[in-house]
Every structure is written in structure tokens, then in C-alpha cells.
Amino acid sequence: MEKALQQSHGMSYAEYQRNLDKRIEVEKAREKSYMESARIVLEANK
């Protein structure tokens, strides 16, 4: 998880844990990515 977080968001897990603003930023990016993926899957299944 540490390596994935570092590669995807440019921060360590420790930094993610202690900084609420960065944690919110990461979770918003994850949700956006998930929604884009879900939209693509929905379009592909039409």
C-alpha cells in the first residue's frame, strides 16, 4: 500500500495518516477515478 500511495499520490502512508487535508485530497482523487472507471464500464456495456 505504501508503494502504491507513493506512486499514485506522491506521499508516504505516514504523511497520509497525519495530514487530514492530504487524506481528503487523496480520497477525492480516488472517488473521481472510480466514477470515471464506472462510467467507462457502463458505456462499454451498452
C-alpha atoms as a PDB file:
ATOM      1  CA  MET A   1       0.000   0.000   0.000  1.00  0.00           C
ATOM      2  CA  GLU A   2       2.879   2.346   0.817  1.00  0.00           C
ATOM      3  CA  LYS A   3       4.385   1.989  -2.647  1.00  0.00           C
ATOM      4  CA  ALA A   4       1.038   2.444  -4.402  1.00  0.00           C
ATOM      5  CA  LEU A   5       0.245   5.555  -2.378  1.00  0.00           C
ATOM      6  CA  GLN A   6       3.690   6.966  -3.122  1.00  0.00           C
ATOM      7  CA  GLN A   7       3.392   6.275  -6.857  1.00  0.00           C
ATOM      8  CA  SER A   8      -0.197   7.440  -7.239  1.00  0.00           C
ATOM      9  CA  HIS A   9      -0.249  10.471  -4.976  1.00  0.00           C
ATOM     10  CA  GLY A  10       3.370  11.311  -4.236  1.00  0.00           C
ATOM     11  CA  MET A  11       3.216  10.901  -0.456  1.00  0.00           C
ATOM     12  CA  SER A  12       4.090   8.329   2.171  1.00  0.00           C
ATOM     13  CA  TYR A  13       1.484   6.484   4.200  1.00  0.00           C
ATOM     14  CA  ALA A  14       2.701   8.252   7.351  1.00  0.00           C
ATOM     15  CA  GLU A  15       2.107  11.622   5.689  1.00  0.00           C
ATOM     16  CA  TYR A  16      -1.321  10.416   4.520  1.00  0.00           C
ATOM     17  CA  GLN A  17      -2.230   9.404   8.068  1.00  0.00           C
ATOM     18  CA  ARG A  18      -1.152  12.574   9.851  1.00  0.00           C
ATOM     19  CA  ASN A  19      -2.413  15.219   7.401  1.00  0.00           C
ATOM     20  CA  LEU A  20      -6.204  15.394   7.098  1.00  0.00           C
ATOM     21  CA  ASP A  21      -6.154  17.797   4.136  1.00  0.00           C
ATOM     22  CA  LYS A  22      -3.921  15.465   2.131  1.00  0.00           C
ATOM     23  CA  ARG A  23      -6.047  12.473   3.108  1.00  0.00           C
ATOM     24  CA  ILE A  24      -9.181  14.243   1.844  1.00  0.00           C
ATOM     25  CA  GLU A  25      -7.385  15.192  -1.374  1.00  0.00           C
ATOM     26  CA  VAL A  26      -6.344  11.554  -1.951  1.00  0.00           C
ATOM     27  CA  GLU A  27      -9.832  10.212  -1.228  1.00  0.00           C
ATOM     28  CA  LYS A  28     -11.428  12.733  -3.606  1.00  0.00           C
ATOM     29  CA  ALA A  29      -8.988  11.673  -6.338  1.00  0.00           C
ATOM     30  CA  ARG A  30      -9.790   8.009  -5.668  1.00  0.00           C
ATOM     31  CA  GLU A  31     -13.516   8.673  -5.876  1.00  0.00           C
ATOM     32  CA  LYS A  32     -13.096  10.618  -9.126  1.00  0.00           C
ATOM     33  CA  SER A  33     -11.055   7.781 -10.617  1.00  0.00           C
ATOM     34  CA  TYR A  34     -13.661   5.240  -9.514  1.00  0.00           C
ATOM     35  CA  MET A  35     -16.517   7.253 -11.015  1.00  0.00           C
ATOM     36  CA  GLU A  36     -14.659   7.642 -14.331  1.00  0.00           C
ATOM     37  CA  SER A  37     -13.999   3.896 -14.419  1.00  0.00           C
ATOM     38  CA  ALA A  38     -17.625   3.103 -13.621  1.00  0.00           C
ATOM     39  CA  ARG A  39     -18.763   5.433 -16.424  1.00  0.00           C
ATOM     40  CA  ILE A  40     -16.431   3.742 -18.914  1.00  0.00           C
ATOM     41  CA  VAL A  41     -17.676   0.289 -17.909  1.00  0.00           C
ATOM     42  CA  LEU A  42     -21.288   1.439 -18.212  1.00  0.00           C
ATOM     43  CA  GLU A  43     -20.657   2.818 -21.693  1.00  0.00           C
ATOM     44  CA  ALA A  44     -18.851  -0.357 -22.746  1.00  0.00           C
ATOM     45  CA  ASN A  45     -21.785  -2.488 -21.610  1.00  0.00           C
ATOM     46  CA  LYS A  46     -24.372  -0.620 -23.684  1.00  0.00           C
END
